[in-house]
Amino acid sequence: ERPRVMTHCALQASSRAPVMVVVGAHHVGGIKDQWHTVCDERELEGLLSAQLARPDCLEADLQKRALLLALFAATRAIPGEAVTTSLKQDLTESETQLLMRTYSMYREQFHRKLLEAAVLLRSRIMKDGVGAKGLPQLVTLLGALEVA
């Protein structure tokens, strides 16, 4: 099902303009196999609008969303709305609690790891005595920051 949907979306995007589609390597074979297959629009519509049927699927989905949201919030790399806009609006109290608890746990872990990395970087720079006193030293400093 996934290669069929991915192929359909890639074909729709490429029909409007030249486009590059980035997918995981494990999906390439399935997309390649489906590329010239005509898909039934009703079947695709059903696949695209499929809802999570089992509670354990919803729980796993909420945990994945919490993980991504925590990563995006900690790194400020991508707005959190990328994860939350497609989230169903009528979460139960237990689902909301699961989302909040999981998000808090992951965000704390990400912040701790980022802080540890910053402290390690600072101590490495202080130990090595790298300082930018001119253009050649600036290049050295930037190289040290890149490696860390």
Protein backbone atom coordinates (compact mmCIF):
# COMPACT_ATOMS: atom_id res chain seq x y z
CA GLU A 1 0.00 0.00 0.00
CA ARG A 2 2.72 2.49 0.94
CA PRO A 3 4.62 2.25 -2.40
CA ARG A 4 1.35 2.75 -4.25
CA VAL A 5 0.54 5.92 -2.30
CA MET A 6 4.12 7.23 -2.53
CA THR A 7 4.18 6.62 -6.28
CA HIS A 8 0.84 8.33 -6.73
CA CYS A 9 2.00 11.42 -4.81
CA ALA A 10 5.30 11.55 -6.71
CA LEU A 11 3.53 11.26 -10.06
CA GLN A 12 1.08 14.02 -9.13
CA ALA A 13 3.90 16.33 -8.04
CA SER A 14 6.01 15.61 -11.13
CA SER A 15 3.09 16.26 -13.49
CA ARG A 16 2.98 19.92 -12.43
CA ALA A 17 6.71 20.65 -12.58
CA PRO A 18 10.11 18.95 -12.48
CA VAL A 19 10.50 17.58 -9.01
CA MET A 20 12.90 15.55 -6.94
CA VAL A 21 11.38 13.07 -4.52
CA VAL A 22 13.45 11.96 -1.55
CA VAL A 23 12.54 8.58 -0.11
CA GLY A 24 14.22 5.99 2.03
CA ALA A 25 16.33 3.51 0.05
CA HIS A 26 14.06 0.65 1.09
CA HIS A 27 11.11 2.33 -0.71
CA VAL A 28 12.81 2.84 -4.08
CA GLY A 29 12.14 -0.68 -5.38
CA GLY A 30 8.44 -0.51 -4.56
CA ILE A 31 8.05 2.90 -6.17
CA LYS A 32 9.94 1.75 -9.26
CA ASP A 33 7.65 -1.28 -9.57
CA GLN A 34 4.53 0.92 -9.29
CA TRP A 35 5.72 3.81 -11.49
CA HIS A 36 3.86 2.80 -14.69
CA THR A 37 0.86 1.25 -12.95
CA VAL A 38 -2.44 3.06 -13.25
CA CYS A 39 -4.07 3.29 -9.83
CA ASP A 40 -7.76 3.39 -9.09
CA GLU A 41 -8.54 6.82 -7.60
CA ARG A 42 -11.11 5.41 -5.16
CA GLU A 43 -8.61 2.89 -3.83
CA LEU A 44 -5.99 5.61 -3.36
CA GLU A 45 -8.51 7.88 -1.70
CA GLY A 46 -9.29 5.08 0.74
CA LEU A 47 -5.60 4.54 1.46
CA LEU A 48 -4.94 8.25 1.94
CA SER A 49 -7.87 8.73 4.28
CA ALA A 50 -7.38 5.53 6.28
CA GLN A 51 -7.71 6.02 10.00
CA LEU A 52 -5.90 4.10 12.67
CA ALA A 53 -8.27 1.33 13.63
CA ARG A 54 -6.63 -0.24 16.65
CA PRO A 55 -5.92 1.60 19.91
CA ASP A 56 -2.35 0.28 19.98
CA CYS A 57 -1.74 1.83 16.53
CA LEU A 58 -2.97 5.18 17.80
CA GLU A 59 -0.76 4.88 20.88
CA ALA A 60 2.29 4.14 18.72
CA ASP A 61 1.38 7.06 16.43
CA LEU A 62 1.08 9.43 19.40
CA GLN A 63 4.45 8.29 20.75
CA LYS A 64 6.11 8.85 17.36
CA ARG A 65 4.55 12.29 17.08
CA ALA A 66 5.71 13.17 20.61
CA LEU A 67 9.24 12.06 19.73
CA LEU A 68 9.33 14.16 16.56
CA LEU A 69 7.74 17.15 18.26
CA ALA A 70 10.32 16.99 21.07
CA LEU A 71 13.16 16.76 18.54
CA PHE A 72 11.82 19.70 16.54
CA ALA A 73 11.26 21.77 19.68
CA ALA A 74 14.71 21.01 21.11
CA THR A 75 16.60 21.72 17.89
CA ARG A 76 14.25 24.40 16.53
CA ALA A 77 14.94 22.85 13.14
CA ILE A 78 11.34 22.43 11.95
CA PRO A 79 8.14 24.03 13.26
CA GLY A 80 6.16 21.70 15.51
CA GLU A 81 3.08 22.19 13.34
CA ALA A 82 4.65 19.74 10.90
CA VAL A 83 3.77 17.03 13.41
CA THR A 84 0.60 18.38 14.98
CA THR A 85 -1.52 19.67 12.08
CA SER A 86 -2.65 16.19 11.01
CA LEU A 87 -3.28 15.05 14.58
CA LYS A 88 -6.89 14.23 15.27
CA GLN A 89 -8.63 16.98 17.23
CA ASP A 90 -10.74 14.84 19.56
CA LEU A 91 -8.08 13.10 21.65
CA THR A 92 -9.34 11.43 24.77
CA GLU A 93 -7.96 12.44 28.16
CA SER A 94 -5.74 9.32 28.31
CA GLU A 95 -4.42 9.97 24.78
CA THR A 96 -3.64 13.58 25.69
CA GLN A 97 -1.85 12.44 28.86
CA LEU A 98 0.17 9.87 26.88
CA LEU A 99 1.18 12.53 24.36
CA MET A 100 2.19 15.02 27.07
CA ARG A 101 4.07 12.43 29.14
CA THR A 102 5.96 11.05 26.13
CA TYR A 103 6.75 14.52 24.78
CA SER A 104 8.13 15.65 28.16
CA MET A 105 10.30 12.56 28.48
CA TYR A 106 11.79 12.91 24.98
CA ARG A 107 12.24 16.68 25.20
CA GLU A 108 14.14 16.29 28.47
CA GLN A 109 16.40 13.67 26.87
CA PHE A 110 17.07 15.82 23.81
CA HIS A 111 17.86 18.87 25.93
CA ARG A 112 20.20 16.84 28.11
CA LYS A 113 22.06 15.48 25.07
CA LEU A 114 22.35 18.92 23.49
CA LEU A 115 23.66 20.36 26.75
CA GLU A 116 26.18 17.52 27.11
CA ALA A 117 27.38 18.14 23.55
CA ALA A 118 27.74 21.87 24.21
CA VAL A 119 29.71 21.27 27.42
CA LEU A 120 31.95 18.77 25.66
CA LEU A 121 32.56 21.22 22.82
CA ARG A 122 33.34 24.04 25.22
CA SER A 123 35.74 21.90 27.25
CA ARG A 124 37.48 20.70 24.08
CA ILE A 125 37.93 24.28 22.88
CA MET A 126 39.16 25.41 26.30
CA LYS A 127 41.54 22.45 26.60
CA ASP A 128 43.00 22.89 23.15
CA GLY A 129 43.20 26.63 23.62
CA VAL A 130 41.68 27.27 20.24
CA GLY A 131 40.99 30.93 19.80
CA ALA A 132 40.42 33.10 16.78
CA LYS A 133 43.14 35.75 16.73
CA GLY A 134 43.16 36.39 13.04
CA LEU A 135 41.85 34.70 9.92
CA PRO A 136 44.05 31.54 10.08
CA GLN A 137 42.96 30.86 13.69
CA LEU A 138 39.32 31.48 12.74
CA VAL A 139 39.56 28.71 10.16
CA THR A 140 41.05 26.42 12.83
CA LEU A 141 38.28 27.33 15.28
CA LEU A 142 35.55 26.68 12.71
CA GLY A 143 37.17 23.33 11.91
CA ALA A 144 37.19 22.39 15.60
CA LEU A 145 33.53 23.37 15.94
CA GLU A 146 32.61 21.32 12.87
CA VAL A 147 34.35 18.20 14.20
CA ALA A 148 32.68 18.54 17.59
